[in-house]
Amino acid sequence: MRPEAIDETPALLTVGLSKAYGPHAVLDEVTMRISPGEIAVVSGSNGTGKSTLLRCVAGLTPFRGDAQVAGLPVDGRRAVRRMVGYMPQSVQLPENVTVGEVVAFFARLRGADPTTQELPEGFLPAAERPIGILSGGQRQRVALAVALLGRPRLLLLDEPVANLDELGREGFWQTLRALSADGTASLIASPMPSDLAGIADRAIVLDDGRVVFDGPMNGMHAVPIAADHGADEPGDRKEARA
């Protein structure tokens, strides 16, 4: 994290953020602050609310409590959505269009330049390749490129390198570090936060929808958490690796 970021408006601030599906509370009074340029990993066993937290902050599902991106409330307005780059856990892209068409479509929605100079050369499949013939890892690369369009102030990434090979992972982490140095904050959901050692500035651990740890990466291993709580929300399933 950049030293000067401490006194700036938070890239993300949540206060008492809660979410329930019927009688089942998925998130319970989650409060956190992420500064510009900071990379934070949110961890916990399956079903502790990691994916739901990202969806709430992305404005994709209603919640109780408060959430702000760069000082603006998460309330569905376009100005806030354009400051956020989101990649879901399960990547779903239309089969009958090309890589270039997908990137261009989302660039128009975001009012952004469709070029993706931040990513290493060769990271994306060729623009003319149809989505329908791509592997799971290649589709994930396209989804990451879409999340980076417009150089968002805040990236919300749900297991962003789960399907990538070693070269793809290193290329993406290199990109993330460069964006961090330029002020982009990231909140990354991962069941294996050790994969982000040397990359993330801090760890946030959820258990049963509550924050049970928020501190340096090397301190989270002492936090006892339950083994598994099931799916975060109805219909939440991990896409098969490719």
C-alpha atoms as a PDB file:
ATOM      1  CA  MET A   1       0.000   0.000   0.000  1.00  0.00           C
ATOM      2  CA  ARG A   2       1.239   3.487  -0.805  1.00  0.00           C
ATOM      3  CA  PRO A   3       2.261   5.329   2.409  1.00  0.00           C
ATOM      4  CA  GLU A   4       0.381   8.480   1.395  1.00  0.00           C
ATOM      5  CA  ALA A   5      -2.879   6.515   0.964  1.00  0.00           C
ATOM      6  CA  ILE A   6      -3.572   6.393   4.714  1.00  0.00           C
ATOM      7  CA  ASP A   7      -5.172   9.860   4.937  1.00  0.00           C
ATOM      8  CA  GLU A   8      -7.108   9.615   1.660  1.00  0.00           C
ATOM      9  CA  THR A   9     -10.760   8.788   1.181  1.00  0.00           C
ATOM     10  CA  PRO A  10     -11.065   4.988   1.450  1.00  0.00           C
ATOM     11  CA  ALA A  11     -11.357   3.071  -1.788  1.00  0.00           C
ATOM     12  CA  LEU A  12     -13.875   0.900   0.087  1.00  0.00           C
ATOM     13  CA  LEU A  13     -15.610   1.446   3.393  1.00  0.00           C
ATOM     14  CA  THR A  14     -18.300  -0.832   4.817  1.00  0.00           C
ATOM     15  CA  VAL A  15     -20.030  -0.272   8.145  1.00  0.00           C
ATOM     16  CA  GLY A  16     -22.347  -2.908   9.569  1.00  0.00           C
ATOM     17  CA  LEU A  17     -22.884  -4.556   6.182  1.00  0.00           C
ATOM     18  CA  SER A  18     -25.294  -7.474   6.606  1.00  0.00           C
ATOM     19  CA  LYS A  19     -26.999  -9.846   4.192  1.00  0.00           C
ATOM     20  CA  ALA A  20     -29.524 -12.630   4.752  1.00  0.00           C
ATOM     21  CA  TYR A  21     -31.355 -15.052   2.494  1.00  0.00           C
ATOM     22  CA  GLY A  22     -34.604 -15.690   4.291  1.00  0.00           C
ATOM     23  CA  PRO A  23     -33.752 -16.747   7.861  1.00  0.00           C
ATOM     24  CA  HIS A  24     -30.131 -17.512   6.946  1.00  0.00           C
ATOM     25  CA  ALA A  25     -27.679 -14.685   7.742  1.00  0.00           C
ATOM     26  CA  VAL A  26     -24.757 -14.813   5.307  1.00  0.00           C
ATOM     27  CA  LEU A  27     -23.010 -11.584   6.390  1.00  0.00           C
ATOM     28  CA  ASP A  28     -23.296 -10.150   9.893  1.00  0.00           C
ATOM     29  CA  GLU A  29     -22.208  -6.559  10.605  1.00  0.00           C
ATOM     30  CA  VAL A  30     -19.129  -6.575   8.366  1.00  0.00           C
ATOM     31  CA  THR A  31     -17.052  -3.415   8.817  1.00  0.00           C
ATOM     32  CA  MET A  32     -13.836  -2.810   6.884  1.00  0.00           C
ATOM     33  CA  ARG A  33     -11.783  -0.062   5.287  1.00  0.00           C
ATOM     34  CA  ILE A  34      -9.510  -0.491   2.276  1.00  0.00           C
ATOM     35  CA  SER A  35      -7.245   2.365   1.226  1.00  0.00           C
ATOM     36  CA  PRO A  36      -6.298   3.358  -2.320  1.00  0.00           C
ATOM     37  CA  GLY A  37      -3.547   1.095  -3.628  1.00  0.00           C
ATOM     38  CA  GLU A  38      -4.123  -1.562  -0.974  1.00  0.00           C
ATOM     39  CA  ILE A  39      -4.484  -5.252  -1.866  1.00  0.00           C
ATOM     40  CA  ALA A  40      -6.587  -7.165   0.661  1.00  0.00           C
ATOM     41  CA  VAL A  41      -7.563 -10.819   0.578  1.00  0.00           C
ATOM     42  CA  VAL A  42     -10.814 -11.958   2.192  1.00  0.00           C
ATOM     43  CA  SER A  43     -10.645 -15.572   3.261  1.00  0.00           C
ATOM     44  CA  GLY A  44     -12.569 -18.197   5.184  1.00  0.00           C
ATOM     45  CA  SER A  45     -14.001 -21.643   4.601  1.00  0.00           C
ATOM     46  CA  ASN A  46     -16.737 -22.321   2.048  1.00  0.00           C
ATOM     47  CA  GLY A  47     -20.013 -20.592   2.855  1.00  0.00           C
ATOM     48  CA  THR A  48     -18.605 -17.904   5.150  1.00  0.00           C
ATOM     49  CA  GLY A  49     -19.800 -15.073   2.901  1.00  0.00           C
ATOM     50  CA  LYS A  50     -16.769 -14.204   0.737  1.00  0.00           C
ATOM     51  CA  SER A  51     -18.588 -14.220  -2.611  1.00  0.00           C
ATOM     52  CA  THR A  52     -21.678 -12.569  -1.144  1.00  0.00           C
ATOM     53  CA  LEU A  53     -19.560  -9.742   0.279  1.00  0.00           C
ATOM     54  CA  LEU A  54     -18.102  -9.000  -3.154  1.00  0.00           C
ATOM     55  CA  ARG A  55     -21.548  -9.095  -4.772  1.00  0.00           C
ATOM     56  CA  CYS A  56     -22.907  -6.631  -2.205  1.00  0.00           C
ATOM     57  CA  VAL A  57     -20.050  -4.180  -2.702  1.00  0.00           C
ATOM     58  CA  ALA A  58     -20.404  -4.527  -6.483  1.00  0.00           C
ATOM     59  CA  GLY A  59     -24.031  -3.432  -6.138  1.00  0.00           C
ATOM     60  CA  LEU A  60     -25.387  -6.737  -7.470  1.00  0.00           C
ATOM     61  CA  THR A  61     -27.442  -7.716  -4.449  1.00  0.00           C
ATOM     62  CA  PRO A  62     -29.236  -5.624  -1.794  1.00  0.00           C
ATOM     63  CA  PHE A  63     -27.923  -5.498   1.767  1.00  0.00           C
ATOM     64  CA  ARG A  64     -28.373  -3.759   5.091  1.00  0.00           C
ATOM     65  CA  GLY A  65     -25.787  -1.351   6.473  1.00  0.00           C
ATOM     66  CA  ASP A  66     -23.512   0.999   4.578  1.00  0.00           C
ATOM     67  CA  ALA A  67     -20.944   0.581   1.809  1.00  0.00           C
ATOM     68  CA  GLN A  68     -19.020   3.336   0.024  1.00  0.00           C
ATOM     69  CA  VAL A  69     -16.620   3.285  -2.914  1.00  0.00           C
ATOM     70  CA  ALA A  70     -14.296   6.303  -3.004  1.00  0.00           C
ATOM     71  CA  GLY A  71     -16.704   8.152  -0.714  1.00  0.00           C
ATOM     72  CA  LEU A  72     -19.852   7.452  -2.756  1.00  0.00           C
ATOM     73  CA  PRO A  73     -22.584   5.121  -1.481  1.00  0.00           C
ATOM     74  CA  VAL A  74     -23.119   1.805  -3.248  1.00  0.00           C
ATOM     75  CA  ASP A  75     -26.633   2.527  -4.464  1.00  0.00           C
ATOM     76  CA  GLY A  76     -26.694   1.409  -8.079  1.00  0.00           C
ATOM     77  CA  ARG A  77     -25.756   4.716  -9.663  1.00  0.00           C
ATOM     78  CA  ARG A  78     -23.636   4.546 -12.824  1.00  0.00           C
ATOM     79  CA  ALA A  79     -20.876   6.749 -11.413  1.00  0.00           C
ATOM     80  CA  VAL A  80     -20.210   4.193  -8.675  1.00  0.00           C
ATOM     81  CA  ARG A  81     -20.446   1.148 -10.953  1.00  0.00           C
ATOM     82  CA  ARG A  82     -17.824   2.649 -13.273  1.00  0.00           C
ATOM     83  CA  MET A  83     -15.336   2.853 -10.396  1.00  0.00           C
ATOM     84  CA  VAL A  84     -15.615  -0.885  -9.687  1.00  0.00           C
ATOM     85  CA  GLY A  85     -14.177  -3.796 -11.649  1.00  0.00           C
ATOM     86  CA  TYR A  86     -15.810  -7.088 -10.667  1.00  0.00           C
ATOM     87  CA  MET A  87     -14.987 -10.677 -11.598  1.00  0.00           C
ATOM     88  CA  PRO A  88     -17.354 -13.364 -10.252  1.00  0.00           C
ATOM     89  CA  GLN A  89     -16.363 -16.803  -9.073  1.00  0.00           C
ATOM     90  CA  SER A  90     -18.138 -18.540 -11.959  1.00  0.00           C
ATOM     91  CA  VAL A  91     -17.301 -16.956 -15.309  1.00  0.00           C
ATOM     92  CA  GLN A  92     -20.224 -16.995 -17.736  1.00  0.00           C
ATOM     93  CA  LEU A  93     -19.690 -15.485 -21.182  1.00  0.00           C
ATOM     94  CA  PRO A  94     -21.780 -15.795 -24.373  1.00  0.00           C
ATOM     95  CA  GLU A  95     -20.599 -18.718 -26.487  1.00  0.00           C
ATOM     96  CA  ASN A  96     -21.234 -17.366 -29.980  1.00  0.00           C
ATOM     97  CA  VAL A  97     -19.139 -14.167 -29.885  1.00  0.00           C
ATOM     98  CA  THR A  98     -15.407 -13.531 -30.067  1.00  0.00           C
ATOM     99  CA  VAL A  99     -12.961 -12.386 -27.414  1.00  0.00           C
ATOM    100  CA  GLY A 100     -12.690  -8.983 -29.077  1.00  0.00           C
ATOM    101  CA  GLU A 101     -16.466  -8.575 -29.222  1.00  0.00           C
ATOM    102  CA  VAL A 102     -16.843  -9.367 -25.518  1.00  0.00           C
ATOM    103  CA  VAL A 103     -14.169  -6.853 -24.517  1.00  0.00           C
ATOM    104  CA  ALA A 104     -15.603  -4.192 -26.850  1.00  0.00           C
ATOM    105  CA  PHE A 105     -19.144  -4.733 -25.527  1.00  0.00           C
ATOM    106  CA  PHE A 106     -18.177  -4.294 -21.890  1.00  0.00           C
ATOM    107  CA  ALA A 107     -15.944  -1.345 -22.775  1.00  0.00           C
ATOM    108  CA  ARG A 108     -18.979   0.413 -24.277  1.00  0.00           C
ATOM    109  CA  LEU A 109     -21.004  -0.295 -21.143  1.00  0.00           C
ATOM    110  CA  ARG A 110     -18.272   1.193 -18.961  1.00  0.00           C
ATOM    111  CA  GLY A 111     -17.436   4.048 -21.319  1.00  0.00           C
ATOM    112  CA  ALA A 112     -13.858   2.774 -21.407  1.00  0.00           C
ATOM    113  CA  ASP A 113     -11.119   2.243 -23.955  1.00  0.00           C
ATOM    114  CA  PRO A 114     -11.360  -1.425 -25.063  1.00  0.00           C
ATOM    115  CA  THR A 115      -7.582  -1.805 -25.142  1.00  0.00           C
ATOM    116  CA  THR A 116      -6.054  -3.649 -22.184  1.00  0.00           C
ATOM    117  CA  GLN A 117      -2.472  -2.392 -22.052  1.00  0.00           C
ATOM    118  CA  GLU A 118      -2.189  -3.301 -18.352  1.00  0.00           C
ATOM    119  CA  LEU A 119      -2.142  -7.035 -19.098  1.00  0.00           C
ATOM    120  CA  PRO A 120       1.069  -8.723 -20.238  1.00  0.00           C
ATOM    121  CA  GLU A 121       1.422  -9.406 -23.948  1.00  0.00           C
ATOM    122  CA  GLY A 122      -0.137 -12.762 -24.820  1.00  0.00           C
ATOM    123  CA  PHE A 123      -2.265 -12.916 -21.656  1.00  0.00           C
ATOM    124  CA  LEU A 124      -5.527 -12.657 -23.610  1.00  0.00           C
ATOM    125  CA  PRO A 125      -6.561 -15.184 -26.269  1.00  0.00           C
ATOM    126  CA  ALA A 126      -6.587 -13.769 -29.794  1.00  0.00           C
ATOM    127  CA  ALA A 127      -9.390 -11.261 -30.378  1.00  0.00           C
ATOM    128  CA  GLU A 128     -10.913 -13.313 -33.202  1.00  0.00           C
ATOM    129  CA  ARG A 129     -11.253 -16.544 -31.176  1.00  0.00           C
ATOM    130  CA  PRO A 130     -14.862 -17.528 -30.324  1.00  0.00           C
ATOM    131  CA  ILE A 131     -15.645 -17.785 -26.618  1.00  0.00           C
ATOM    132  CA  GLY A 132     -17.242 -21.194 -27.206  1.00  0.00           C
ATOM    133  CA  ILE A 133     -13.917 -22.882 -27.987  1.00  0.00           C
ATOM    134  CA  LEU A 134     -11.971 -21.418 -25.063  1.00  0.00           C
ATOM    135  CA  SER A 135     -10.896 -23.433 -22.041  1.00  0.00           C
ATOM    136  CA  GLY A 136     -11.966 -22.444 -18.532  1.00  0.00           C
ATOM    137  CA  GLY A 137      -8.615 -20.771 -17.934  1.00  0.00           C
ATOM    138  CA  GLN A 138      -8.832 -18.780 -21.169  1.00  0.00           C
ATOM    139  CA  ARG A 139     -12.344 -17.598 -20.308  1.00  0.00           C
ATOM    140  CA  GLN A 140     -11.041 -16.497 -16.931  1.00  0.00           C
ATOM    141  CA  ARG A 141      -8.381 -14.414 -18.664  1.00  0.00           C
ATOM    142  CA  VAL A 142     -11.111 -12.681 -20.685  1.00  0.00           C
ATOM    143  CA  ALA A 143     -13.128 -12.028 -17.524  1.00  0.00           C
ATOM    144  CA  LEU A 144     -10.074 -10.493 -15.844  1.00  0.00           C
ATOM    145  CA  ALA A 145      -9.507  -8.218 -18.843  1.00  0.00           C
ATOM    146  CA  VAL A 146     -13.136  -7.084 -18.616  1.00  0.00           C
ATOM    147  CA  ALA A 147     -12.748  -6.342 -14.884  1.00  0.00           C
ATOM    148  CA  LEU A 148      -9.743  -4.111 -15.608  1.00  0.00           C
ATOM    149  CA  LEU A 149     -11.471  -1.992 -18.268  1.00  0.00           C
ATOM    150  CA  GLY A 150     -11.419   1.720 -17.484  1.00  0.00           C
ATOM    151  CA  ARG A 151      -8.798   1.375 -14.729  1.00  0.00           C
ATOM    152  CA  PRO A 152     -11.347   1.081 -11.883  1.00  0.00           C
ATOM    153  CA  ARG A 153     -10.655   2.535  -8.442  1.00  0.00           C
ATOM    154  CA  LEU A 154     -11.626  -0.763  -6.795  1.00  0.00           C
ATOM    155  CA  LEU A 155     -11.235  -4.333  -8.044  1.00  0.00           C
ATOM    156  CA  LEU A 156     -13.457  -7.066  -6.607  1.00  0.00           C
ATOM    157  CA  LEU A 157     -12.031 -10.417  -7.684  1.00  0.00           C
ATOM    158  CA  ASP A 158     -13.484 -13.787  -6.681  1.00  0.00           C
ATOM    159  CA  GLU A 159     -10.754 -16.443  -6.936  1.00  0.00           C
ATOM    160  CA  PRO A 160      -9.234 -14.653  -9.932  1.00  0.00           C
ATOM    161  CA  VAL A 161      -6.436 -17.129 -10.716  1.00  0.00           C
ATOM    162  CA  ALA A 162      -8.183 -20.390  -9.813  1.00  0.00           C
ATOM    163  CA  ASN A 163      -8.096 -21.728 -13.395  1.00  0.00           C
ATOM    164  CA  LEU A 164      -4.860 -20.117 -14.561  1.00  0.00           C
ATOM    165  CA  ASP A 165      -1.557 -21.873 -15.132  1.00  0.00           C
ATOM    166  CA  GLU A 166       1.603 -20.689 -13.385  1.00  0.00           C
ATOM    167  CA  LEU A 167       2.556 -18.280 -16.172  1.00  0.00           C
ATOM    168  CA  GLY A 168      -0.930 -16.764 -16.229  1.00  0.00           C
ATOM    169  CA  ARG A 169      -0.955 -16.344 -12.456  1.00  0.00           C
ATOM    170  CA  GLU A 170       2.382 -14.570 -12.396  1.00  0.00           C
ATOM    171  CA  GLY A 171       1.337 -12.328 -15.275  1.00  0.00           C
ATOM    172  CA  PHE A 172      -1.831 -11.315 -13.500  1.00  0.00           C
ATOM    173  CA  TRP A 173      -0.173 -10.716 -10.129  1.00  0.00           C
ATOM    174  CA  GLN A 174       2.403  -8.555 -11.906  1.00  0.00           C
ATOM    175  CA  THR A 175      -0.447  -6.515 -13.389  1.00  0.00           C
ATOM    176  CA  LEU A 176      -2.172  -6.229 -10.018  1.00  0.00           C
ATOM    177  CA  ARG A 177       0.974  -4.955  -8.328  1.00  0.00           C
ATOM    178  CA  ALA A 178       1.413  -2.323 -11.047  1.00  0.00           C
ATOM    179  CA  LEU A 179      -2.189  -1.176 -10.652  1.00  0.00           C
ATOM    180  CA  SER A 180      -1.743  -1.027  -6.882  1.00  0.00           C
ATOM    181  CA  ALA A 181       1.275   1.238  -7.273  1.00  0.00           C
ATOM    182  CA  ASP A 182      -0.956   3.513  -9.357  1.00  0.00           C
ATOM    183  CA  GLY A 183      -3.673   3.670  -6.681  1.00  0.00           C
ATOM    184  CA  THR A 184      -6.095   0.877  -7.592  1.00  0.00           C
ATOM    185  CA  ALA A 185      -7.345  -1.019  -4.528  1.00  0.00           C
ATOM    186  CA  SER A 186      -8.244  -4.714  -4.665  1.00  0.00           C
ATOM    187  CA  LEU A 187     -10.405  -7.003  -2.536  1.00  0.00           C
ATOM    188  CA  ILE A 188      -9.723 -10.617  -3.504  1.00  0.00           C
ATOM    189  CA  ALA A 189     -11.796 -13.566  -2.271  1.00  0.00           C
ATOM    190  CA  SER A 190      -9.709 -16.706  -1.870  1.00  0.00           C
ATOM    191  CA  PRO A 191     -10.076 -19.947   0.119  1.00  0.00           C
ATOM    192  CA  MET A 192      -6.258 -20.270  -0.024  1.00  0.00           C
ATOM    193  CA  PRO A 193      -4.838 -16.881   1.012  1.00  0.00           C
ATOM    194  CA  SER A 194      -1.329 -18.335   1.179  1.00  0.00           C
ATOM    195  CA  ASP A 195      -1.363 -18.076  -2.635  1.00  0.00           C
ATOM    196  CA  LEU A 196      -1.260 -14.295  -2.174  1.00  0.00           C
ATOM    197  CA  ALA A 197       1.750 -14.236   0.146  1.00  0.00           C
ATOM    198  CA  GLY A 198       4.008 -11.439  -1.015  1.00  0.00           C
ATOM    199  CA  ILE A 199       1.166  -9.889  -3.014  1.00  0.00           C
ATOM    200  CA  ALA A 200      -1.590  -8.931  -0.566  1.00  0.00           C
ATOM    201  CA  ASP A 201      -1.011  -6.235   2.053  1.00  0.00           C
ATOM    202  CA  ARG A 202      -3.482  -7.637   4.505  1.00  0.00           C
ATOM    203  CA  ALA A 203      -5.910 -10.461   5.263  1.00  0.00           C
ATOM    204  CA  ILE A 204      -9.546 -10.317   6.319  1.00  0.00           C
ATOM    205  CA  VAL A 205     -10.936 -13.607   7.612  1.00  0.00           C
ATOM    206  CA  LEU A 206     -14.668 -14.322   7.745  1.00  0.00           C
ATOM    207  CA  ASP A 207     -16.300 -17.020   9.818  1.00  0.00           C
ATOM    208  CA  ASP A 208     -20.053 -17.497   9.858  1.00  0.00           C
ATOM    209  CA  GLY A 209     -20.444 -14.125   8.118  1.00  0.00           C
ATOM    210  CA  ARG A 210     -18.429 -12.171  10.692  1.00  0.00           C
ATOM    211  CA  VAL A 211     -14.961 -10.648  10.541  1.00  0.00           C
ATOM    212  CA  VAL A 212     -12.819 -12.678  12.935  1.00  0.00           C
ATOM    213  CA  PHE A 213      -9.449 -11.314  11.798  1.00  0.00           C
ATOM    214  CA  ASP A 214      -8.286  -8.166  10.015  1.00  0.00           C
ATOM    215  CA  GLY A 215      -4.550  -7.682   9.972  1.00  0.00           C
ATOM    216  CA  PRO A 216      -1.221  -8.710   8.447  1.00  0.00           C
ATOM    217  CA  MET A 217      -1.060 -11.794   6.257  1.00  0.00           C
ATOM    218  CA  ASN A 218       1.247 -13.646   8.632  1.00  0.00           C
ATOM    219  CA  GLY A 219      -1.221 -13.336  11.514  1.00  0.00           C
ATOM    220  CA  MET A 220      -4.275 -15.029  10.033  1.00  0.00           C
ATOM    221  CA  HIS A 221      -3.033 -18.593  10.499  1.00  0.00           C
ATOM    222  CA  ALA A 222      -3.720 -18.436  14.227  1.00  0.00           C
ATOM    223  CA  VAL A 223      -7.428 -17.754  13.664  1.00  0.00           C
ATOM    224  CA  PRO A 224      -9.605 -20.843  14.303  1.00  0.00           C
ATOM    225  CA  ILE A 225     -12.446 -21.156  11.785  1.00  0.00           C
ATOM    226  CA  ALA A 226     -14.987 -23.840  11.007  1.00  0.00           C
ATOM    227  CA  ALA A 227     -14.196 -26.261   8.179  1.00  0.00           C
ATOM    228  CA  ASP A 228     -17.194 -25.617   5.915  1.00  0.00           C
ATOM    229  CA  HIS A 229     -20.507 -23.769   6.024  1.00  0.00           C
ATOM    230  CA  GLY A 230     -21.884 -24.833   2.644  1.00  0.00           C
ATOM    231  CA  ALA A 231     -22.627 -22.466  -0.233  1.00  0.00           C
ATOM    232  CA  ASP A 232     -22.485 -18.700   0.337  1.00  0.00           C
ATOM    233  CA  GLU A 233     -25.928 -18.229  -1.149  1.00  0.00           C
ATOM    234  CA  PRO A 234     -28.605 -20.189  -3.037  1.00  0.00           C
ATOM    235  CA  GLY A 235     -27.226 -21.438  -6.339  1.00  0.00           C
ATOM    236  CA  ASP A 236     -23.604 -20.500  -5.580  1.00  0.00           C
ATOM    237  CA  ARG A 237     -21.438 -23.181  -7.183  1.00  0.00           C
ATOM    238  CA  LYS A 238     -17.812 -23.209  -8.308  1.00  0.00           C
ATOM    239  CA  GLU A 239     -17.228 -23.652 -12.024  1.00  0.00           C
ATOM    240  CA  ALA A 240     -15.206 -26.753 -12.908  1.00  0.00           C
ATOM    241  CA  ARG A 241     -11.547 -26.092 -13.535  1.00  0.00           C
ATOM    242  CA  ALA A 242     -10.227 -26.497 -17.040  1.00  0.00           C
END
